[in-house]
Protein backbone atom coordinates (compact mmCIF):
# COMPACT_ATOMS: atom_id res chain seq x y z
CA MET A 1 -3.14 -12.92 38.27
CA THR A 2 -0.20 -10.59 37.58
CA GLU A 3 -0.07 -7.20 35.40
CA LEU A 4 1.56 -9.53 32.67
CA GLU A 5 -0.69 -12.22 32.89
CA GLN A 6 -3.58 -9.69 32.39
CA LEU A 7 -1.87 -8.00 29.52
CA THR A 8 -0.96 -11.19 27.82
CA ARG A 9 -4.51 -12.43 27.96
CA LEU A 10 -5.65 -9.06 26.38
CA CYS A 11 -3.37 -9.07 23.60
CA GLN A 12 -4.61 -12.78 22.96
CA ASN A 13 -8.14 -11.61 23.12
CA LEU A 14 -7.14 -8.76 20.35
CA GLY A 15 -6.02 -11.89 17.94
CA SER A 16 -2.19 -12.54 19.22
CA ASP A 17 -1.23 -16.07 19.22
CA PRO A 18 0.38 -17.00 22.79
CA ALA A 19 3.89 -16.40 22.27
CA GLN A 20 3.30 -13.09 20.41
CA ALA A 21 0.95 -11.80 23.30
CA ALA A 22 3.71 -12.33 25.48
CA VAL A 23 6.23 -10.42 23.74
CA MET A 24 3.29 -7.77 23.49
CA ALA A 25 2.56 -7.76 27.17
CA GLY A 26 5.99 -7.02 27.94
CA GLN A 27 6.50 -4.19 25.59
CA LEU A 28 3.41 -2.55 26.77
CA GLN A 29 4.93 -2.98 30.55
CA LYS A 30 8.00 -1.51 29.43
CA ARG A 31 6.35 1.30 27.39
CA ALA A 32 4.28 2.20 30.28
CA GLY A 33 7.11 2.56 32.62
CA GLN A 34 8.65 4.98 30.08
CA LEU A 35 5.58 6.93 29.81
CA VAL A 36 5.63 7.34 34.01
CA ALA A 37 8.90 8.49 34.08
CA GLU A 38 8.94 10.95 31.14
CA ARG A 39 5.28 12.36 31.34
CA GLY A 40 4.63 12.26 35.19
CA LEU A 41 1.84 9.97 34.46
CA THR A 42 0.06 7.32 37.12
CA ARG A 43 0.87 3.66 36.32
CA GLU A 44 -2.99 3.42 35.48
CA ALA A 45 -3.15 6.44 33.19
CA ALA A 46 -0.18 5.39 31.26
CA MET A 47 -1.61 1.57 30.88
CA LYS A 48 -5.08 2.83 30.05
CA TYR A 49 -3.82 5.39 27.41
CA LEU A 50 -1.53 2.54 25.94
CA LEU A 51 -4.44 -0.06 25.97
CA GLU A 52 -6.26 2.68 23.86
CA LEU A 53 -3.73 3.01 21.10
CA VAL A 54 -3.50 -1.04 20.89
CA VAL A 55 -7.48 -1.17 20.23
CA LYS A 56 -7.12 1.51 17.81
CA GLY A 57 -4.05 0.13 16.23
CA ARG A 58 -5.77 -3.17 15.60
CA HIS A 59 -8.60 -0.83 13.97
CA GLY A 60 -5.83 0.64 11.52
CA GLU A 61 -5.37 3.90 13.09
CA ALA A 62 -1.57 5.41 13.46
CA PRO A 63 -0.68 6.22 16.93
CA PRO A 64 0.43 9.71 17.67
CA GLU A 65 3.88 10.41 15.92
CA SER A 66 5.22 11.31 19.65
CA LEU A 67 5.10 7.72 21.02
CA ALA A 68 7.40 5.25 19.88
CA PRO A 69 5.33 1.97 18.61
CA VAL A 70 4.07 -0.05 21.65
CA PHE A 71 5.09 -3.17 19.93
CA PRO A 72 7.84 -2.66 17.37
CA MET A 73 7.17 -4.92 14.40
CA ARG A 74 10.56 -6.43 14.41
CA GLU A 75 9.75 -8.06 17.79
CA GLN A 76 6.37 -9.10 16.72
CA LEU A 77 7.68 -10.60 13.46
CA ILE A 78 10.32 -12.47 15.77
CA ALA A 79 7.27 -13.88 18.25
CA LEU A 80 5.32 -15.14 14.88
CA PHE A 81 8.72 -17.02 13.63
CA GLN A 82 9.18 -18.45 17.26
CA SER A 83 5.72 -19.57 17.37
CA ALA A 84 5.37 -21.25 13.85
CA TYR A 85 9.00 -22.61 13.49
CA GLY A 86 10.66 -22.75 17.16
CA ARG A 87 13.58 -20.39 15.85
CA ALA A 88 14.27 -16.55 14.76
CA PRO A 89 14.56 -15.89 11.33
CA ASP A 90 17.81 -15.24 9.51
CA VAL A 91 16.64 -12.59 7.58
CA MET A 92 13.81 -9.85 7.98
CA VAL A 93 13.30 -7.10 5.45
CA ARG A 94 10.29 -4.63 5.04
CA ALA A 95 8.62 -2.94 2.25
CA PRO A 96 6.34 -0.17 2.36
CA GLY A 97 2.77 0.18 0.99
CA ARG A 98 2.05 3.12 -1.28
CA ILE A 99 -0.21 6.09 -2.00
CA GLU A 100 -1.22 6.51 -5.62
CA PHE A 101 -0.27 10.37 -5.55
CA ILE A 102 -1.65 11.01 -9.01
CA GLY A 103 -1.75 9.40 -12.07
CA ASN A 104 -5.22 7.44 -12.46
CA HIS A 105 -4.56 4.31 -14.66
CA THR A 106 -1.35 6.01 -16.43
CA ASP A 107 0.99 3.14 -15.59
CA TYR A 108 -0.01 0.41 -18.07
CA ASN A 109 -0.83 3.07 -20.83
CA GLY A 110 3.05 4.09 -20.68
CA GLY A 111 2.39 7.34 -19.17
CA PRO A 112 4.06 9.07 -16.13
CA VAL A 113 2.88 8.79 -12.34
CA LEU A 114 3.51 10.10 -8.88
CA GLY A 115 3.23 7.74 -5.80
CA ALA A 116 4.52 8.08 -2.33
CA SER A 117 5.74 5.15 -0.21
CA ILE A 118 4.41 4.99 3.40
CA ASP A 119 5.42 4.42 6.58
CA ARG A 120 3.19 1.65 6.76
CA GLN A 121 4.72 -1.84 5.96
CA VAL A 122 5.09 -5.85 5.32
CA TRP A 123 7.52 -7.26 7.21
CA VAL A 124 9.03 -10.73 6.10
CA GLY A 125 11.28 -12.96 7.93
CA LEU A 126 13.10 -15.98 6.22
CA ALA A 127 15.11 -18.68 7.61
CA ARG A 128 16.84 -21.67 5.40
CA ARG A 129 16.02 -25.30 5.38
CA THR A 130 18.01 -28.03 4.25
CA ASP A 131 14.95 -30.22 3.60
CA GLY A 132 13.68 -28.33 0.64
CA ARG A 133 10.48 -27.66 2.15
CA ARG A 134 8.99 -24.59 1.85
CA GLN A 135 6.72 -23.29 4.96
CA PHE A 136 4.76 -20.22 4.95
CA VAL A 137 2.77 -18.31 7.80
CA SER A 138 1.20 -14.91 8.35
CA ASP A 139 0.14 -13.02 11.26
CA THR A 140 -3.44 -12.96 9.68
CA ARG A 141 -3.78 -17.14 9.22
CA GLY A 142 -1.91 -18.65 12.11
CA GLU A 143 -1.58 -21.83 10.49
CA VAL A 144 1.39 -22.85 8.57
CA VAL A 145 1.01 -23.91 4.80
CA ALA A 146 3.81 -25.85 3.36
CA PHE A 147 5.04 -27.26 -0.13
CA PRO A 148 7.83 -29.06 -1.55
CA SER A 149 10.44 -26.84 -3.44
CA ALA A 150 9.47 -28.35 -6.82
CA GLU A 151 5.76 -27.49 -6.59
CA ILE A 152 4.57 -23.71 -7.52
CA LYS A 153 1.11 -23.91 -8.08
CA LYS A 154 -1.82 -21.18 -7.32
CA VAL A 155 -3.51 -21.63 -4.04
CA SER A 156 -6.94 -20.85 -3.46
CA GLY A 157 -9.60 -20.33 -0.91
CA ALA A 158 -8.61 -19.18 2.42
CA GLN A 159 -4.78 -19.44 1.96
CA ARG A 160 -4.36 -17.64 -1.28
CA TRP A 161 -2.44 -15.06 0.23
CA VAL A 162 0.45 -17.36 -0.57
CA ASN A 163 0.16 -16.66 -4.25
CA TYR A 164 2.28 -13.66 -3.37
CA PRO A 165 5.68 -15.34 -2.55
CA LEU A 166 4.67 -18.09 -4.81
CA GLY A 167 4.48 -15.80 -7.66
CA VAL A 168 7.96 -14.14 -6.83
CA LEU A 169 9.36 -17.58 -6.29
CA ALA A 170 7.91 -18.58 -10.04
CA ALA A 171 9.55 -15.17 -11.54
CA LEU A 172 13.23 -15.00 -10.19
CA PRO A 173 14.29 -17.49 -12.99
CA ALA A 174 12.95 -15.38 -15.68
CA PHE A 175 15.44 -12.80 -14.59
CA GLY A 176 18.45 -15.19 -14.18
CA LEU A 177 18.03 -15.20 -10.74
CA ARG A 178 17.99 -18.09 -8.29
CA ALA A 179 15.08 -18.78 -5.94
CA PRO A 180 16.22 -20.78 -2.43
CA GLU A 181 15.15 -24.08 -2.21
CA GLY A 182 14.00 -24.88 1.14
CA PHE A 183 12.79 -22.26 3.80
CA ASP A 184 10.60 -21.00 6.93
CA TYR A 185 8.69 -17.82 5.64
CA GLY A 186 6.93 -15.55 8.10
CA VAL A 187 4.91 -12.62 7.23
CA MET A 188 3.13 -9.67 9.17
CA SER A 189 1.93 -5.88 8.52
CA ASP A 190 0.69 -2.86 9.82
CA LEU A 191 -0.85 -2.06 6.46
CA PRO A 192 -4.35 -2.12 6.25
CA SER A 193 -5.51 -4.30 3.59
CA GLY A 194 -8.10 -3.11 1.14
CA ALA A 195 -7.36 0.37 1.29
CA GLY A 196 -5.82 1.25 -1.70
CA LEU A 197 -2.40 1.26 -0.22
CA SER A 198 -1.07 -1.74 -2.30
CA SER A 199 -0.33 -4.06 0.42
CA SER A 200 0.07 -6.66 -2.60
CA ALA A 201 3.08 -5.07 -4.29
CA ALA A 202 4.66 -4.82 -0.56
CA ILE A 203 4.16 -8.26 0.19
CA GLU A 204 5.97 -9.18 -3.21
CA LEU A 205 8.75 -6.68 -2.84
CA ALA A 206 9.46 -7.65 0.84
CA SER A 207 9.44 -11.49 -0.18
CA GLY A 208 11.66 -10.86 -3.38
CA LEU A 209 14.28 -9.10 -1.26
CA ALA A 210 13.95 -11.64 1.44
CA PHE A 211 14.41 -14.46 -1.09
CA LEU A 212 17.49 -12.61 -2.79
CA GLU A 213 19.38 -11.81 0.63
CA ALA A 214 18.78 -15.12 2.02
CA THR A 215 20.80 -16.57 -1.36
CA ASP A 216 23.27 -13.48 -1.29
CA GLN A 217 21.84 -11.89 -4.65
CA HIS A 218 22.00 -8.31 -4.99
CA PRO A 219 20.64 -7.72 -8.72
CA PRO A 220 19.69 -3.55 -9.37
CA ARG A 221 16.77 -2.18 -7.54
CA GLN A 222 14.75 -2.17 -10.78
CA THR A 223 15.23 -5.90 -11.29
CA LEU A 224 13.56 -6.48 -7.82
CA VAL A 225 10.49 -4.20 -8.94
CA GLU A 226 10.12 -6.12 -12.12
CA VAL A 227 10.18 -9.40 -10.38
CA GLY A 228 7.17 -8.38 -8.30
CA LEU A 229 5.34 -6.70 -11.52
CA ARG A 230 5.82 -10.33 -13.08
CA ALA A 231 4.73 -12.12 -10.31
CA GLU A 232 1.57 -9.86 -10.05
CA ASN A 233 0.32 -10.14 -13.74
CA GLU A 234 1.65 -13.73 -14.74
CA PHE A 235 0.98 -15.54 -11.21
CA VAL A 236 -1.44 -13.69 -9.18
CA GLY A 237 -3.25 -12.76 -12.29
CA VAL A 238 -3.63 -8.76 -12.00
CA PRO A 239 -3.10 -6.59 -14.83
CA CYS A 240 -1.53 -3.51 -13.64
CA GLY A 241 1.05 -1.38 -14.21
CA ILE A 242 4.29 -1.13 -12.59
CA LEU A 243 3.22 1.68 -10.07
CA ASP A 244 2.86 -0.45 -7.16
CA GLN A 245 6.11 -2.31 -7.04
CA GLY A 246 8.12 1.07 -8.33
CA VAL A 247 6.79 2.97 -5.35
CA SER A 248 7.57 0.63 -3.06
CA GLY A 249 10.91 -0.04 -4.11
CA PHE A 250 12.11 3.43 -4.87
CA GLY A 251 10.48 5.38 -2.22
CA LYS A 252 12.36 7.75 -0.20
CA LYS A 253 11.24 9.73 3.26
CA GLY A 254 10.40 13.26 2.12
CA HIS A 255 10.13 12.69 -1.27
CA LEU A 256 7.49 11.48 -4.24
CA VAL A 257 8.39 8.96 -6.79
CA PHE A 258 8.11 9.53 -10.25
CA ILE A 259 7.86 6.65 -12.56
CA ASP A 260 8.22 7.35 -16.60
CA CYS A 261 6.49 3.93 -17.18
CA GLN A 262 7.85 3.79 -20.71
CA GLY A 263 11.15 3.09 -19.69
CA PRO A 264 10.24 2.75 -16.89
CA HIS A 265 12.72 5.10 -15.06
CA PHE A 266 12.85 5.86 -11.84
CA SER A 267 13.51 9.25 -9.73
CA THR A 268 12.24 10.94 -6.76
CA VAL A 269 10.62 14.60 -6.25
CA PRO A 270 11.00 16.34 -3.02
CA LEU A 271 7.63 17.01 -1.26
CA PRO A 272 7.01 20.51 -0.06
CA ALA A 273 7.46 20.70 3.97
CA GLY A 274 3.84 20.83 5.81
CA ALA A 275 2.58 18.30 3.26
CA HIS A 276 0.41 15.80 5.12
CA PHE A 277 -1.45 12.84 4.24
CA TRP A 278 -4.85 11.35 5.18
CA ILE A 279 -6.36 8.24 4.15
CA PHE A 280 -10.28 7.85 4.40
CA ASN A 281 -10.94 3.87 3.69
CA THR A 282 -14.57 3.18 3.05
CA HIS A 283 -14.28 -0.64 2.88
CA THR A 284 -16.71 -0.74 0.29
CA LYS A 285 -15.95 -2.59 -3.01
CA HIS A 286 -17.85 -3.29 -6.38
CA ALA A 287 -18.89 -7.01 -6.70
CA LEU A 288 -17.29 -7.24 -9.94
CA VAL A 289 -14.17 -5.09 -8.97
CA ASP A 290 -11.72 -7.72 -10.75
CA GLY A 291 -13.60 -7.88 -14.14
CA LEU A 292 -14.13 -4.15 -14.12
CA TYR A 293 -10.40 -3.22 -13.73
CA ALA A 294 -9.77 -5.53 -16.38
CA ALA A 295 -12.18 -4.07 -18.88
CA ARG A 296 -10.53 -0.86 -18.05
CA HIS A 297 -7.30 -1.91 -19.37
CA GLN A 298 -8.88 -3.99 -22.24
CA GLU A 299 -10.34 -0.55 -23.60
CA CYS A 300 -7.18 1.58 -22.83
CA MET A 301 -5.51 -1.20 -25.49
CA ASP A 302 -8.67 -0.67 -27.71
CA ALA A 303 -8.29 3.12 -27.70
CA ALA A 304 -4.38 3.02 -28.54
CA ARG A 305 -4.91 0.08 -31.23
CA THR A 306 -7.65 2.22 -33.01
CA LEU A 307 -5.45 5.48 -32.92
CA GLY A 308 -2.44 3.93 -34.35
CA VAL A 309 -0.13 3.87 -31.46
CA LYS A 310 1.65 1.29 -29.11
CA ALA A 311 0.40 3.43 -26.33
CA LEU A 312 -2.33 6.25 -25.25
CA VAL A 313 1.04 8.28 -23.67
CA ASP A 314 1.83 8.71 -27.57
CA VAL A 315 -1.75 10.21 -27.98
CA THR A 316 -1.32 14.45 -27.34
CA PRO A 317 -5.37 15.81 -26.54
CA ALA A 318 -5.26 17.46 -29.74
CA ALA A 319 -5.07 14.11 -31.60
CA LEU A 320 -7.46 12.51 -29.38
CA ALA A 321 -9.94 15.47 -29.72
CA ALA A 322 -9.64 15.03 -33.78
CA ALA A 323 -10.21 11.31 -33.51
CA GLU A 324 -13.44 11.54 -31.29
CA GLY A 325 -15.62 10.63 -34.21
CA LYS A 326 -13.45 7.40 -34.79
CA LEU A 327 -13.88 6.10 -31.58
CA PRO A 328 -16.65 4.54 -29.74
CA VAL A 329 -18.42 6.72 -26.89
CA THR A 330 -16.97 4.49 -24.03
CA ILE A 331 -13.34 3.79 -25.73
CA PHE A 332 -13.15 7.75 -26.13
CA LYS A 333 -14.01 8.44 -22.76
CA ARG A 334 -11.47 5.98 -21.30
CA ALA A 335 -8.85 7.30 -23.44
CA LYS A 336 -9.37 11.09 -22.75
CA HIS A 337 -9.02 10.25 -18.78
CA VAL A 338 -5.57 8.80 -19.58
CA VAL A 339 -4.54 11.29 -22.05
CA GLU A 340 -5.32 14.47 -19.98
CA GLU A 341 -4.44 12.91 -16.67
CA ILE A 342 -0.91 12.30 -18.22
CA ALA A 343 -0.93 16.15 -18.76
CA ARG A 344 -1.95 16.44 -15.25
CA VAL A 345 0.92 14.34 -13.81
CA GLN A 346 3.69 16.44 -15.32
CA ALA A 347 2.00 19.70 -14.51
CA CYS A 348 2.04 18.08 -10.63
CA VAL A 349 5.88 17.58 -10.92
CA ALA A 350 6.12 21.28 -12.06
CA ALA A 351 4.01 22.57 -8.69
CA LEU A 352 5.80 20.48 -6.66
CA GLN A 353 9.01 21.69 -7.70
CA ALA A 354 7.87 25.43 -7.49
CA GLY A 355 6.59 24.54 -3.75
CA ASP A 356 2.91 25.43 -4.80
CA LEU A 357 0.41 22.89 -2.73
CA ALA A 358 -2.26 24.84 -3.63
CA ALA A 359 -1.75 24.08 -7.41
CA VAL A 360 -0.98 20.39 -6.58
CA GLY A 361 -4.51 20.11 -4.90
CA LYS A 362 -6.45 21.47 -7.85
CA LEU A 363 -5.00 18.75 -9.68
CA LEU A 364 -5.74 16.30 -7.65
CA VAL A 365 -9.42 17.49 -7.55
CA ALA A 366 -9.43 17.39 -11.18
CA SER A 367 -7.89 14.05 -11.47
CA HIS A 368 -10.78 12.75 -9.28
CA HIS A 369 -13.28 14.38 -11.11
CA SER A 370 -11.88 12.85 -14.21
CA SER A 371 -11.94 9.50 -12.75
CA ARG A 372 -15.47 9.91 -12.05
CA THR A 373 -16.91 11.13 -15.06
CA TRP A 374 -14.39 10.11 -17.77
CA PHE A 375 -12.81 6.58 -16.79
CA GLU A 376 -15.98 5.75 -14.44
CA ASN A 377 -14.28 4.12 -11.88
CA SER A 378 -15.42 6.19 -8.87
CA THR A 379 -18.05 5.66 -6.86
CA ALA A 380 -20.92 7.43 -4.52
CA GLU A 381 -19.08 6.81 -1.48
CA LEU A 382 -15.96 8.11 -2.74
CA ASP A 383 -17.45 11.29 -4.37
CA PHE A 384 -18.59 12.03 -1.08
CA LEU A 385 -15.70 12.18 0.78
CA VAL A 386 -14.01 13.97 -1.62
CA GLU A 387 -16.45 16.73 -2.22
CA GLN A 388 -16.52 16.89 2.12
CA LEU A 389 -12.56 17.22 2.04
CA THR A 390 -12.49 19.81 -0.66
CA ASP A 391 -14.68 22.03 0.99
CA ALA A 392 -12.73 21.56 4.50
CA PRO A 393 -10.59 24.09 5.57
CA ALA A 394 -6.60 23.09 5.49
CA VAL A 395 -7.33 20.80 2.70
CA TYR A 396 -5.32 21.37 -0.48
CA GLY A 397 -7.12 18.55 -2.75
CA ALA A 398 -8.36 15.26 -2.68
CA ARG A 399 -8.64 12.40 -4.80
CA LEU A 400 -9.71 8.44 -5.08
CA THR A 401 -6.35 6.40 -4.68
CA GLY A 402 -5.88 3.26 -6.02
CA GLY A 403 -7.78 1.38 -8.70
CA GLY A 404 -11.21 2.72 -7.78
CA PHE A 405 -14.22 0.88 -7.82
CA GLY A 406 -14.45 1.53 -4.00
CA GLY A 407 -11.54 1.59 -1.58
CA ALA A 408 -9.98 4.96 -0.31
CA VAL A 409 -9.73 8.54 -0.68
CA MET A 410 -6.45 10.51 -0.24
CA ALA A 411 -6.37 14.05 1.22
CA LEU A 412 -3.75 16.24 0.89
CA THR A 413 -3.65 18.74 3.94
CA SER A 414 -1.56 21.25 5.91
CA GLU A 415 -0.75 20.58 9.52
CA LYS A 416 -3.70 22.48 10.69
CA PHE A 417 -5.80 19.31 9.45
CA GLY A 418 -6.24 17.43 12.23
CA ARG A 419 -7.90 14.26 13.66
CA ALA A 420 -11.09 16.34 14.85
CA GLN A 421 -11.76 17.49 11.32
CA ALA A 422 -11.19 14.07 9.83
CA GLU A 423 -13.62 12.32 12.42
CA ALA A 424 -16.06 15.39 11.36
CA ILE A 425 -16.23 14.01 7.84
CA ALA A 426 -16.31 10.30 8.63
CA SER A 427 -19.42 11.31 10.81
CA ALA A 428 -20.96 12.79 7.93
CA TYR A 429 -19.95 10.00 6.17
CA ALA A 430 -21.54 7.40 8.44
CA LYS A 431 -24.50 9.63 8.54
CA LYS A 432 -25.17 9.08 4.67
CA PHE A 433 -23.62 5.68 4.18
CA GLY A 434 -24.45 3.84 7.70
CA THR A 435 -20.78 3.08 8.55
CA ALA A 436 -18.09 5.24 9.02
CA PRO A 437 -14.72 5.07 6.90
CA ASP A 438 -11.33 4.21 8.66
CA VAL A 439 -9.29 7.17 9.07
CA LEU A 440 -5.28 7.02 8.50
CA ARG A 441 -2.49 9.54 8.84
CA THR A 442 0.45 8.54 7.36
CA GLN A 443 3.93 10.04 6.19
CA THR A 444 6.29 9.27 3.30
CA GLY A 445 8.77 6.56 4.17
CA ASP A 446 11.40 4.65 2.58
CA GLY A 447 11.28 1.91 0.16
CA ALA A 448 11.82 -1.89 0.59
CA MET A 449 15.21 -2.49 2.54
CA ARG A 450 16.62 -5.14 4.73
CA VAL A 451 16.63 -4.64 8.41
CA ALA A 452 18.21 -7.81 9.99
C-alpha cells in the first residue's frame, strides 16, 4: 500500500468520506514535503507531527499558529460538494463563531454587549439547480436531505440542523429579499459545537450570505444580521438577542464588536495588543437548558413590565434599588444582574480604549460572579474553571461565555499564558469532575464574507 493510500484510509477512519479523505491525504503529503524543506525534518518526523495535528484537530484543538492549516477548509468544502453532488459549488462563503466577551443576557434587554468574532468558521457552498429542488448536506451528516422549493417546514430528529438554513430561507421574504428556488447546499465547520461559540448564528449568517450571493442581492450588512436573527427566533425557536448574529456579521480582526441593542447600532473597538483568548469547553449542559433560557428571558420581561419600562436598559441601578420591595425576589435578582451588567459593558469599553487590560479582566470576573449569584445561569463546573483561571499567572480575567447553564468559560490572557498552563487547569478540572474540558486557543477574525 502506498503512502497516499495509507493516509487516505487513515482520514476515512477519522470520519471523512472517501472523496474528502483523498483530498486530505494529498494535502498531508504536500505539507509534509514543505516541512522537510523548510525545517530540515525527516519525512517520518514531519508526517508524525502532522498526523498528531490531525487527531488533535478532530478534538477541537487549534494547530500552532506558525503552521498553515493541514487541510484548507476551501478544499474540504469542495471535496464534500463533489462527493455529494458530483460538482463544485458556484458560491462559497464563511461566517465566524463568536465569543461573548461581556454583556451576559443584556442584548434582548436592549442593553449594550461586546463580542469577538473568531478565527473558527462555518463554511457554506452553494450551486443553483433548475428543477426547484433544494438539497442539503453537512460534513457531520453524510446523507443528502432534499425538499421541494415550495416546502419550508421545521425538521426534527437527526436532520434538525437543516432548520438553520431553512429558517433563513423562510426569513428572506420578510425583508423584501428573494430566496433561490433550487440549489445544492453544503456546509462544514472547524467551529466546535456546544462550546458557547454560537455555531448556530454562524451557519445562519453563512447560509444567508450564500443565498444572497447566488441571487445577486447585496443588502446592507445589518439586514443580513437581522435575517439570521429572525431565523433563530421565529423558525428555530430560540428567543435570543442580536449578539450572536451581529458579531458574526460585523466582526473585524483585531477588534471587538460593540452592539447598542436598542438601535441596534454596530461599531468596533480595537483590542489592545497582547490580548489572547482561551476557551475551556466543559461539554456539560443542563438537561432543561432550553426551558431555563426561556424562563430567564421571561423573568427579564416581567421585571421591565413591573418597573414600567419597555426594557431593562431604561432602568438605572438607583431606580432598581429603590424598587426592590416591589419586585419578587427572583425577578429582582434577574434585573439586578442585567442592569449592573450594562454598566460593566460600558466600563469595559472605556478600559479597552485606555488599553487597560487589567481593568478589563476585573470586569470579566465581576460579570461571572453576577451571572452566578444574581442570574443563576452558571454551574459548579464553570465556577471552578473561573476560579482556577483567575488565580493563574498571566490571566487578566475569565467568565462564562454564552447563555450559561453549562458550556464554556472564556479566559483573557497575556501571551505568557501557554498550553502548559492551560493543560494544568484542565487536569485539575478532570481530577474534580472526572473528565477534562476541551481547550481551544483562538484569535479574533473577520466577519462573514464571500470567499469564492
